[in-house]
Amino acid sequence: MARKDPTQHKYYDRFDLLLVVSVVTVGLLLLVDLDQGEGIGEFLSVTVTILTATMLMLAVTAAGIGRRGRRLAWIAVAVTVSASVLGAFHPLGDVTRGGLLWLLLVVAAPVLVLLRLMHHKEITAETLLGAVSVYLMMAIAGTYLFLFIDTLGGSTGEFFGSPKPTTVFMYFSLVTITTVGYGDFFPVEVFGRAAAGWVAVIGQIYLVVVVAYIVALYTSGRTRGLDSAPVDDD
């Protein structure tokens, strides 16, 4: 049986959907503490986890990953989401924040989308939407990286030196990747400082390299279009 071409999938290159889900995910991570419990808090925590999982699967599909890769991604996402949902309603330490597997998934997602964007031969609306989606997913990846480092310190809070709601981590990731750096929160431990530094550097490299690439591609497309345009002798 012939393998189905991943480029024929209905969500292939659908970076508009990915951007919408990414924006909503960032917004909820800024507003919802994943560690809060009881009633509505548990529901919101699970909602954010499922929304993040949806974003990951949209990224994998939009990037044109084959059936085997999508199947592996589904399994990994299902395992981590199940653990997070279980942890939300039955406290199991910091499992609601996701573990190493979850971190690997949120880091891999923007990389896969970026690789797909680099294969675009001309700039389209999907290219621009995908580029913005990657930037937001990088901020989300930074959030879960900081949370993972924080869990290494247990109840003492490894990252900021004291326990903080998860909303602070999303906020800190955004101000770090944009190099705004208000200074109201900062990592106190060596691994946290190293992670924050790399997130800032990668964010700036992304803006410089990807934006320059998109502008160059767009400019060359415009130039070819002008060169091929018919000339009116009148």
C-alpha atoms as a PDB file:
ATOM      1  CA  MET A   1       0.000   0.000   0.000  1.00  0.00           C
ATOM      2  CA  ALA A   2       1.427   3.379  -1.016  1.00  0.00           C
ATOM      3  CA  ARG A   3       2.211   5.827   1.708  1.00  0.00           C
ATOM      4  CA  LYS A   4      -0.003   8.868   1.849  1.00  0.00           C
ATOM      5  CA  ASP A   5       1.793  12.043   0.871  1.00  0.00           C
ATOM      6  CA  PRO A   6       1.929  14.283   4.004  1.00  0.00           C
ATOM      7  CA  THR A   7       1.686  17.353   1.775  1.00  0.00           C
ATOM      8  CA  GLN A   8      -1.845  16.256   0.872  1.00  0.00           C
ATOM      9  CA  HIS A   9      -2.999  16.467   4.494  1.00  0.00           C
ATOM     10  CA  LYS A  10      -5.699  19.091   4.991  1.00  0.00           C
ATOM     11  CA  TYR A  11      -3.631  20.835   7.694  1.00  0.00           C
ATOM     12  CA  TYR A  12      -0.398  20.899   5.700  1.00  0.00           C
ATOM     13  CA  ASP A  13       0.983  24.461   5.667  1.00  0.00           C
ATOM     14  CA  ARG A  14      -2.065  25.657   7.636  1.00  0.00           C
ATOM     15  CA  PHE A  15      -0.056  28.084   9.721  1.00  0.00           C
ATOM     16  CA  ASP A  16      -3.093  30.315  10.154  1.00  0.00           C
ATOM     17  CA  LEU A  17      -4.658  27.731  12.464  1.00  0.00           C
ATOM     18  CA  LEU A  18      -1.340  27.195  14.198  1.00  0.00           C
ATOM     19  CA  LEU A  19      -1.000  30.914  14.871  1.00  0.00           C
ATOM     20  CA  VAL A  20      -4.493  31.155  16.377  1.00  0.00           C
ATOM     21  CA  VAL A  21      -3.848  28.214  18.711  1.00  0.00           C
ATOM     22  CA  SER A  22      -0.400  29.571  19.624  1.00  0.00           C
ATOM     23  CA  VAL A  23      -1.808  33.002  20.521  1.00  0.00           C
ATOM     24  CA  VAL A  24      -4.552  31.476  22.673  1.00  0.00           C
ATOM     25  CA  THR A  25      -2.023  29.159  24.356  1.00  0.00           C
ATOM     26  CA  VAL A  26       0.277  32.051  25.235  1.00  0.00           C
ATOM     27  CA  GLY A  27      -2.673  34.038  26.547  1.00  0.00           C
ATOM     28  CA  LEU A  28      -3.849  31.224  28.808  1.00  0.00           C
ATOM     29  CA  LEU A  29      -0.327  30.492  30.052  1.00  0.00           C
ATOM     30  CA  LEU A  30      -0.121  34.160  31.054  1.00  0.00           C
ATOM     31  CA  LEU A  31      -3.413  33.955  32.944  1.00  0.00           C
ATOM     32  CA  VAL A  32      -3.726  30.379  34.253  1.00  0.00           C
ATOM     33  CA  ASP A  33      -1.507  28.934  36.967  1.00  0.00           C
ATOM     34  CA  LEU A  34      -0.972  25.279  36.030  1.00  0.00           C
ATOM     35  CA  ASP A  35      -0.319  24.406  39.666  1.00  0.00           C
ATOM     36  CA  GLN A  36      -3.538  25.787  41.077  1.00  0.00           C
ATOM     37  CA  GLY A  37      -6.101  23.233  42.143  1.00  0.00           C
ATOM     38  CA  GLU A  38      -9.684  22.894  43.255  1.00  0.00           C
ATOM     39  CA  GLY A  39     -12.596  23.339  40.924  1.00  0.00           C
ATOM     40  CA  ILE A  40     -12.149  25.787  38.089  1.00  0.00           C
ATOM     41  CA  GLY A  41      -8.379  25.803  38.579  1.00  0.00           C
ATOM     42  CA  GLU A  42      -8.122  22.106  37.731  1.00  0.00           C
ATOM     43  CA  PHE A  43     -10.315  22.559  34.658  1.00  0.00           C
ATOM     44  CA  LEU A  44      -8.279  25.517  33.378  1.00  0.00           C
ATOM     45  CA  SER A  45      -5.012  23.662  33.955  1.00  0.00           C
ATOM     46  CA  VAL A  46      -6.242  20.711  31.890  1.00  0.00           C
ATOM     47  CA  THR A  47      -7.534  23.106  29.217  1.00  0.00           C
ATOM     48  CA  VAL A  48      -4.124  24.736  28.831  1.00  0.00           C
ATOM     49  CA  THR A  49      -2.440  21.332  28.622  1.00  0.00           C
ATOM     50  CA  ILE A  50      -4.829  20.090  25.926  1.00  0.00           C
ATOM     51  CA  LEU A  51      -4.495  23.349  23.996  1.00  0.00           C
ATOM     52  CA  THR A  52      -0.702  23.051  24.075  1.00  0.00           C
ATOM     53  CA  ALA A  53      -1.005  19.476  22.824  1.00  0.00           C
ATOM     54  CA  THR A  54      -3.250  20.685  19.983  1.00  0.00           C
ATOM     55  CA  MET A  55      -0.657  23.284  19.054  1.00  0.00           C
ATOM     56  CA  LEU A  56       2.065  20.615  18.969  1.00  0.00           C
ATOM     57  CA  MET A  57       0.071  18.305  16.692  1.00  0.00           C
ATOM     58  CA  LEU A  58      -0.881  21.183  14.379  1.00  0.00           C
ATOM     59  CA  ALA A  59       2.806  22.093  14.151  1.00  0.00           C
ATOM     60  CA  VAL A  60       3.790  18.529  13.282  1.00  0.00           C
ATOM     61  CA  THR A  61       1.074  18.234  10.628  1.00  0.00           C
ATOM     62  CA  ALA A  62       1.576  21.697   9.123  1.00  0.00           C
ATOM     63  CA  ALA A  63       5.309  21.006   8.840  1.00  0.00           C
ATOM     64  CA  GLY A  64       4.597  18.007   6.608  1.00  0.00           C
ATOM     65  CA  ILE A  65       5.879  15.280   8.916  1.00  0.00           C
ATOM     66  CA  GLY A  66       5.093  11.788   7.609  1.00  0.00           C
ATOM     67  CA  ARG A  67       2.572   9.353   9.026  1.00  0.00           C
ATOM     68  CA  ARG A  68       5.122   7.500  11.162  1.00  0.00           C
ATOM     69  CA  GLY A  69       6.394  10.746  12.663  1.00  0.00           C
ATOM     70  CA  ARG A  70       2.865  11.940  13.367  1.00  0.00           C
ATOM     71  CA  ARG A  71       2.026   8.623  14.998  1.00  0.00           C
ATOM     72  CA  LEU A  72       5.042   8.879  17.308  1.00  0.00           C
ATOM     73  CA  ALA A  73       4.096  12.470  18.133  1.00  0.00           C
ATOM     74  CA  TRP A  74       0.526  11.391  18.931  1.00  0.00           C
ATOM     75  CA  ILE A  75       1.796   8.705  21.306  1.00  0.00           C
ATOM     76  CA  ALA A  76       4.186  11.084  23.069  1.00  0.00           C
ATOM     77  CA  VAL A  77       1.521  13.791  23.378  1.00  0.00           C
ATOM     78  CA  ALA A  78      -1.073  11.295  24.633  1.00  0.00           C
ATOM     79  CA  VAL A  79       1.293  10.048  27.347  1.00  0.00           C
ATOM     80  CA  THR A  80       2.215  13.521  28.574  1.00  0.00           C
ATOM     81  CA  VAL A  81      -1.347  14.860  28.436  1.00  0.00           C
ATOM     82  CA  SER A  82      -2.650  11.822  30.332  1.00  0.00           C
ATOM     83  CA  ALA A  83      -0.022  12.355  33.018  1.00  0.00           C
ATOM     84  CA  SER A  84      -0.855  16.057  33.220  1.00  0.00           C
ATOM     85  CA  VAL A  85      -4.608  15.447  33.461  1.00  0.00           C
ATOM     86  CA  LEU A  86      -4.066  12.786  36.119  1.00  0.00           C
ATOM     87  CA  GLY A  87      -1.796  15.120  38.052  1.00  0.00           C
ATOM     88  CA  ALA A  88      -4.322  17.953  37.885  1.00  0.00           C
ATOM     89  CA  PHE A  89      -7.015  15.950  39.666  1.00  0.00           C
ATOM     90  CA  HIS A  90      -4.754  13.689  41.750  1.00  0.00           C
ATOM     91  CA  PRO A  91      -1.743  15.696  43.001  1.00  0.00           C
ATOM     92  CA  LEU A  92       1.459  13.958  41.958  1.00  0.00           C
ATOM     93  CA  GLY A  93       4.081  16.570  42.613  1.00  0.00           C
ATOM     94  CA  ASP A  94       4.869  18.750  39.609  1.00  0.00           C
ATOM     95  CA  VAL A  95       3.541  16.378  36.960  1.00  0.00           C
ATOM     96  CA  THR A  96       0.984  18.988  35.833  1.00  0.00           C
ATOM     97  CA  ARG A  97       3.841  21.044  34.456  1.00  0.00           C
ATOM     98  CA  GLY A  98       4.969  18.220  32.186  1.00  0.00           C
ATOM     99  CA  GLY A  99       8.248  16.346  32.278  1.00  0.00           C
ATOM    100  CA  LEU A 100      11.261  15.928  30.034  1.00  0.00           C
ATOM    101  CA  LEU A 101       9.239  14.339  27.216  1.00  0.00           C
ATOM    102  CA  TRP A 102       6.837  17.291  27.186  1.00  0.00           C
ATOM    103  CA  LEU A 103       9.782  19.683  27.106  1.00  0.00           C
ATOM    104  CA  LEU A 104      11.303  17.866  24.135  1.00  0.00           C
ATOM    105  CA  LEU A 105       7.986  18.105  22.286  1.00  0.00           C
ATOM    106  CA  VAL A 106       7.523  21.845  22.780  1.00  0.00           C
ATOM    107  CA  VAL A 107      11.140  22.461  21.752  1.00  0.00           C
ATOM    108  CA  ALA A 108      10.884  20.258  18.643  1.00  0.00           C
ATOM    109  CA  ALA A 109       7.633  21.831  17.388  1.00  0.00           C
ATOM    110  CA  PRO A 110       8.997  25.285  16.409  1.00  0.00           C
ATOM    111  CA  VAL A 111      12.090  23.656  14.896  1.00  0.00           C
ATOM    112  CA  LEU A 112       9.953  21.465  12.613  1.00  0.00           C
ATOM    113  CA  VAL A 113       7.822  24.406  11.512  1.00  0.00           C
ATOM    114  CA  LEU A 114      10.892  26.548  10.857  1.00  0.00           C
ATOM    115  CA  LEU A 115      12.424  23.818   8.701  1.00  0.00           C
ATOM    116  CA  ARG A 116       9.226  23.743   6.669  1.00  0.00           C
ATOM    117  CA  LEU A 117       9.242  27.529   6.255  1.00  0.00           C
ATOM    118  CA  MET A 118      12.814  27.401   4.964  1.00  0.00           C
ATOM    119  CA  HIS A 119      11.524  25.304   2.036  1.00  0.00           C
ATOM    120  CA  HIS A 120       9.036  27.959   0.926  1.00  0.00           C
ATOM    121  CA  LYS A 121      10.207  29.242  -2.443  1.00  0.00           C
ATOM    122  CA  GLU A 122       8.112  32.382  -2.287  1.00  0.00           C
ATOM    123  CA  ILE A 123       6.587  34.461   0.474  1.00  0.00           C
ATOM    124  CA  THR A 124       2.896  33.832   1.073  1.00  0.00           C
ATOM    125  CA  ALA A 125       0.525  34.718   3.873  1.00  0.00           C
ATOM    126  CA  GLU A 126       1.151  31.255   5.337  1.00  0.00           C
ATOM    127  CA  THR A 127       4.892  31.975   5.412  1.00  0.00           C
ATOM    128  CA  LEU A 128       4.377  35.106   7.481  1.00  0.00           C
ATOM    129  CA  LEU A 129       1.850  33.443   9.789  1.00  0.00           C
ATOM    130  CA  GLY A 130       4.186  30.489  10.240  1.00  0.00           C
ATOM    131  CA  ALA A 131       7.098  32.776  11.113  1.00  0.00           C
ATOM    132  CA  VAL A 132       5.055  34.490  13.826  1.00  0.00           C
ATOM    133  CA  SER A 133       3.848  31.098  15.086  1.00  0.00           C
ATOM    134  CA  VAL A 134       7.429  29.883  15.452  1.00  0.00           C
ATOM    135  CA  TYR A 135       8.334  32.933  17.539  1.00  0.00           C
ATOM    136  CA  LEU A 136       5.398  32.362  19.892  1.00  0.00           C
ATOM    137  CA  MET A 137       6.153  28.646  20.141  1.00  0.00           C
ATOM    138  CA  MET A 138       9.740  29.486  21.033  1.00  0.00           C
ATOM    139  CA  ALA A 139       8.426  31.575  23.930  1.00  0.00           C
ATOM    140  CA  ILE A 140       6.221  28.660  25.009  1.00  0.00           C
ATOM    141  CA  ALA A 141       9.205  26.308  24.777  1.00  0.00           C
ATOM    142  CA  GLY A 142      11.179  28.714  26.963  1.00  0.00           C
ATOM    143  CA  THR A 143       8.352  28.668  29.506  1.00  0.00           C
ATOM    144  CA  TYR A 144       8.395  24.889  29.831  1.00  0.00           C
ATOM    145  CA  LEU A 145      12.197  24.872  29.928  1.00  0.00           C
ATOM    146  CA  PHE A 146      12.155  27.281  32.868  1.00  0.00           C
ATOM    147  CA  LEU A 147       9.421  25.252  34.553  1.00  0.00           C
ATOM    148  CA  PHE A 148      11.425  22.064  34.098  1.00  0.00           C
ATOM    149  CA  ILE A 149      14.469  23.653  35.713  1.00  0.00           C
ATOM    150  CA  ASP A 150      12.250  24.921  38.523  1.00  0.00           C
ATOM    151  CA  THR A 151      10.932  21.413  39.242  1.00  0.00           C
ATOM    152  CA  LEU A 152      14.487  20.226  39.844  1.00  0.00           C
ATOM    153  CA  GLY A 153      14.467  22.310  43.009  1.00  0.00           C
ATOM    154  CA  GLY A 154      11.245  20.753  44.312  1.00  0.00           C
ATOM    155  CA  SER A 155       9.162  22.886  46.661  1.00  0.00           C
ATOM    156  CA  THR A 156      11.983  25.379  47.207  1.00  0.00           C
ATOM    157  CA  GLY A 157      11.763  26.760  43.675  1.00  0.00           C
ATOM    158  CA  GLU A 158      14.972  26.238  41.738  1.00  0.00           C
ATOM    159  CA  PHE A 159      14.540  28.906  39.094  1.00  0.00           C
ATOM    160  CA  PHE A 160      13.543  32.105  40.894  1.00  0.00           C
ATOM    161  CA  GLY A 161      14.714  30.956  44.321  1.00  0.00           C
ATOM    162  CA  SER A 162      11.182  30.717  45.682  1.00  0.00           C
ATOM    163  CA  PRO A 163       7.920  29.197  44.406  1.00  0.00           C
ATOM    164  CA  LYS A 164       6.136  31.278  41.776  1.00  0.00           C
ATOM    165  CA  PRO A 165       2.903  30.677  39.819  1.00  0.00           C
ATOM    166  CA  THR A 166       3.462  29.267  36.348  1.00  0.00           C
ATOM    167  CA  THR A 167       2.059  32.479  34.852  1.00  0.00           C
ATOM    168  CA  VAL A 168       5.279  34.210  35.923  1.00  0.00           C
ATOM    169  CA  PHE A 169       7.310  31.758  33.846  1.00  0.00           C
ATOM    170  CA  MET A 170       5.365  32.574  30.669  1.00  0.00           C
ATOM    171  CA  TYR A 171       5.728  36.277  31.376  1.00  0.00           C
ATOM    172  CA  PHE A 172       9.448  35.891  32.051  1.00  0.00           C
ATOM    173  CA  SER A 173       9.902  33.878  28.835  1.00  0.00           C
ATOM    174  CA  LEU A 174       8.255  36.621  26.764  1.00  0.00           C
ATOM    175  CA  VAL A 175      10.288  39.465  28.243  1.00  0.00           C
ATOM    176  CA  THR A 176      13.442  37.356  27.878  1.00  0.00           C
ATOM    177  CA  ILE A 177      12.987  36.263  24.263  1.00  0.00           C
ATOM    178  CA  THR A 178      12.168  39.856  23.297  1.00  0.00           C
ATOM    179  CA  THR A 179      15.155  41.067  25.417  1.00  0.00           C
ATOM    180  CA  VAL A 180      12.913  43.593  27.185  1.00  0.00           C
ATOM    181  CA  GLY A 181      14.213  42.475  30.584  1.00  0.00           C
ATOM    182  CA  TYR A 182      12.180  44.490  33.086  1.00  0.00           C
ATOM    183  CA  GLY A 183      14.164  43.005  35.976  1.00  0.00           C
ATOM    184  CA  ASP A 184      11.156  42.294  38.199  1.00  0.00           C
ATOM    185  CA  PHE A 185      11.911  38.550  37.991  1.00  0.00           C
ATOM    186  CA  PHE A 186      15.253  36.896  37.382  1.00  0.00           C
ATOM    187  CA  PRO A 187      16.816  33.418  37.745  1.00  0.00           C
ATOM    188  CA  VAL A 188      19.021  32.921  40.792  1.00  0.00           C
ATOM    189  CA  GLU A 189      20.672  29.610  39.934  1.00  0.00           C
ATOM    190  CA  VAL A 190      23.354  28.868  37.340  1.00  0.00           C
ATOM    191  CA  PHE A 191      21.227  26.594  35.134  1.00  0.00           C
ATOM    192  CA  GLY A 192      18.371  29.078  35.194  1.00  0.00           C
ATOM    193  CA  ARG A 193      20.639  31.961  34.198  1.00  0.00           C
ATOM    194  CA  ALA A 194      22.178  29.888  31.408  1.00  0.00           C
ATOM    195  CA  ALA A 195      18.738  28.901  30.088  1.00  0.00           C
ATOM    196  CA  ALA A 196      17.482  32.493  30.172  1.00  0.00           C
ATOM    197  CA  GLY A 197      20.604  33.691  28.380  1.00  0.00           C
ATOM    198  CA  TRP A 198      20.245  31.143  25.603  1.00  0.00           C
ATOM    199  CA  VAL A 199      16.538  31.871  25.154  1.00  0.00           C
ATOM    200  CA  ALA A 200      17.374  35.557  24.702  1.00  0.00           C
ATOM    201  CA  VAL A 201      20.174  34.823  22.235  1.00  0.00           C
ATOM    202  CA  ILE A 202      18.131  32.330  20.199  1.00  0.00           C
ATOM    203  CA  GLY A 203      15.207  34.758  20.080  1.00  0.00           C
ATOM    204  CA  GLN A 204      17.381  37.520  18.658  1.00  0.00           C
ATOM    205  CA  ILE A 205      19.134  35.206  16.196  1.00  0.00           C
ATOM    206  CA  TYR A 206      15.731  34.068  14.980  1.00  0.00           C
ATOM    207  CA  LEU A 207      14.557  37.616  14.378  1.00  0.00           C
ATOM    208  CA  VAL A 208      17.738  38.620  12.570  1.00  0.00           C
ATOM    209  CA  VAL A 209      18.170  35.499  10.416  1.00  0.00           C
ATOM    210  CA  VAL A 210      14.552  34.555   9.660  1.00  0.00           C
ATOM    211  CA  VAL A 211      13.301  38.089   9.097  1.00  0.00           C
ATOM    212  CA  ALA A 212      16.294  38.788   6.832  1.00  0.00           C
ATOM    213  CA  TYR A 213      15.597  35.573   4.911  1.00  0.00           C
ATOM    214  CA  ILE A 214      11.902  36.378   4.473  1.00  0.00           C
ATOM    215  CA  VAL A 215      12.666  39.937   3.351  1.00  0.00           C
ATOM    216  CA  ALA A 216      15.288  38.695   0.869  1.00  0.00           C
ATOM    217  CA  LEU A 217      12.910  36.067  -0.503  1.00  0.00           C
ATOM    218  CA  TYR A 218      10.092  38.576  -0.797  1.00  0.00           C
ATOM    219  CA  THR A 219      12.355  41.127  -2.496  1.00  0.00           C
ATOM    220  CA  SER A 220      13.670  38.608  -5.017  1.00  0.00           C
ATOM    221  CA  GLY A 221      10.096  37.521  -5.806  1.00  0.00           C
ATOM    222  CA  ARG A 222       9.050  41.125  -6.361  1.00  0.00           C
ATOM    223  CA  THR A 223      12.081  41.703  -8.596  1.00  0.00           C
ATOM    224  CA  ARG A 224      11.300  38.650 -10.720  1.00  0.00           C
ATOM    225  CA  GLY A 225       7.697  39.808 -11.005  1.00  0.00           C
ATOM    226  CA  LEU A 226       8.743  43.259 -12.192  1.00  0.00           C
ATOM    227  CA  ASP A 227      11.239  41.822 -14.677  1.00  0.00           C
ATOM    228  CA  SER A 228       8.606  39.524 -16.167  1.00  0.00           C
ATOM    229  CA  ALA A 229       5.918  42.211 -16.364  1.00  0.00           C
ATOM    230  CA  PRO A 230       5.022  43.330 -19.908  1.00  0.00           C
ATOM    231  CA  VAL A 231       6.388  46.717 -20.921  1.00  0.00           C
ATOM    232  CA  ASP A 232       3.960  49.265 -22.382  1.00  0.00           C
ATOM    233  CA  ASP A 233       5.697  50.952 -25.294  1.00  0.00           C
ATOM    234  CA  ASP A 234       3.098  53.709 -25.338  1.00  0.00           C
END
